[in-house]
Protein backbone atom coordinates (compact mmCIF):
# COMPACT_ATOMS: atom_id res chain seq x y z
CA MET A 1 0.18 -3.21 3.47
CA ALA A 2 -1.80 -5.97 4.55
CA PHE A 3 -1.22 -5.98 8.19
CA GLU A 4 -1.82 -2.30 8.82
CA LEU A 5 -4.77 -2.98 11.38
CA GLU A 6 -2.99 -5.42 13.03
CA ILE A 7 0.42 -3.28 13.75
CA ILE A 8 -2.00 -0.56 14.59
CA THR A 9 -3.57 -2.80 17.42
CA ILE A 10 0.06 -3.87 18.67
CA VAL A 11 1.11 -0.29 19.17
CA ILE A 12 -2.30 0.68 20.65
CA GLY A 13 -1.62 -2.43 23.08
CA VAL A 14 1.86 -1.24 24.01
CA ILE A 15 0.64 1.93 24.55
CA TYR A 16 -2.33 0.87 26.84
CA GLY A 17 0.09 -1.32 28.85
CA TYR A 18 2.64 1.46 29.44
CA LEU A 19 0.27 3.95 30.40
CA LYS A 20 -1.85 1.93 32.66
CA PRO A 21 -0.03 1.36 35.86
CA GLY A 22 0.17 -2.15 37.18
CA LYS A 23 -0.44 -5.26 35.33
CA GLU A 24 -3.43 -5.39 33.39
CA ASP A 25 -6.36 -7.95 33.63
CA ARG A 26 -5.62 -10.09 30.30
CA LYS A 27 -8.03 -12.48 30.91
CA ALA A 28 -11.00 -9.81 31.13
CA LEU A 29 -9.42 -8.17 28.10
CA LEU A 30 -9.73 -11.75 26.23
CA LYS A 31 -13.38 -12.28 27.35
CA LYS A 32 -14.35 -9.01 26.52
CA GLY A 33 -12.64 -9.36 22.61
CA VAL A 34 -14.54 -12.88 22.49
CA LEU A 35 -17.71 -11.12 23.68
CA ILE A 36 -17.41 -8.47 20.90
CA GLY A 37 -16.57 -11.12 18.46
CA ILE A 38 -19.71 -13.02 19.11
CA ILE A 39 -21.69 -10.07 18.80
CA LEU A 40 -20.40 -8.74 15.76
CA GLY A 41 -20.41 -12.31 14.02
CA LEU A 42 -24.23 -12.72 15.20
CA ILE A 43 -25.26 -9.26 13.79
CA PHE A 44 -23.75 -9.73 10.24
CA THR A 45 -25.15 -13.54 10.14
CA GLY A 46 -28.79 -11.76 11.33
CA LEU A 47 -28.34 -9.02 8.65
CA GLY A 48 -27.84 -11.72 6.00
CA LEU A 49 -31.06 -13.43 7.41
CA LEU A 50 -32.75 -10.73 6.92
CA VAL A 51 -31.87 -9.48 3.54
CA ASN A 52 -32.53 -12.75 1.78
CA ILE A 53 -32.20 -16.54 2.95
CA LYS A 54 -29.74 -17.03 -0.14
CA PHE A 55 -27.13 -14.92 1.65
CA LEU A 56 -27.52 -17.15 4.56
CA LEU A 57 -24.06 -18.88 3.59
CA VAL A 58 -22.44 -15.64 2.68
CA SER A 59 -23.39 -14.05 6.00
CA THR A 60 -22.53 -17.21 8.14
CA VAL A 61 -18.82 -17.04 6.54
CA VAL A 62 -18.88 -13.33 7.04
CA GLY A 63 -19.88 -13.46 10.47
CA LEU A 64 -17.54 -16.09 10.96
CA VAL A 65 -14.48 -14.29 9.43
CA ILE A 66 -15.22 -11.18 11.58
CA PHE A 67 -15.30 -13.08 14.83
CA ILE A 68 -11.94 -14.79 14.00
CA GLU A 69 -10.51 -11.22 13.27
CA VAL A 70 -11.93 -9.62 16.21
CA ILE A 71 -10.42 -12.55 18.43
CA LEU A 72 -7.05 -12.15 16.45
CA LEU A 73 -7.18 -8.34 17.09
CA ALA A 74 -7.98 -8.75 20.83
CA VAL A 75 -4.80 -11.28 21.27
CA LEU A 76 -2.44 -8.97 19.45
CA PHE A 77 -3.73 -6.36 21.77
CA ILE A 78 -3.01 -8.48 24.65
CA ALA A 79 0.32 -9.21 23.33
CA GLY A 80 0.85 -5.60 22.97
CA THR A 81 0.18 -4.76 26.63
CA PHE A 82 2.96 -7.45 27.51
CA ILE A 83 5.21 -5.46 25.79
CA GLY A 84 4.14 -2.08 27.29
CA ASP A 85 4.19 -3.69 30.65
CA TRP A 86 7.87 -4.53 29.92
CA ILE A 87 8.68 -1.56 28.95
CA GLU A 88 7.10 0.30 31.84
CA GLU A 89 9.24 -1.91 34.16
CA LYS A 90 12.36 -1.20 32.50
CA SER A 91 11.82 2.41 32.56
CA LYS A 92 10.72 2.67 36.38
CA ALA A 93 13.97 0.16 36.96
CA ALA A 94 16.38 2.50 35.20
């Protein structure tokens, strides 16, 4: 199961979109995701610098990968909120 975290993120996004009334501020959610990704990427790069300068390349790559993964998870969460809002609209219309 290679995509367990991604599936869980979408499901949580659907639940969040369904339970929170009204439309979500998706732009703010994306901004928070980017900010968290930058912070985590910098932390892991900084840890690599503190351990040993030889790990600079490795820690930079790890930081970049974590940044990309957090952005991907934020986008999947936002996609889940779209689905949750759609389900909320359909359940109220019925």
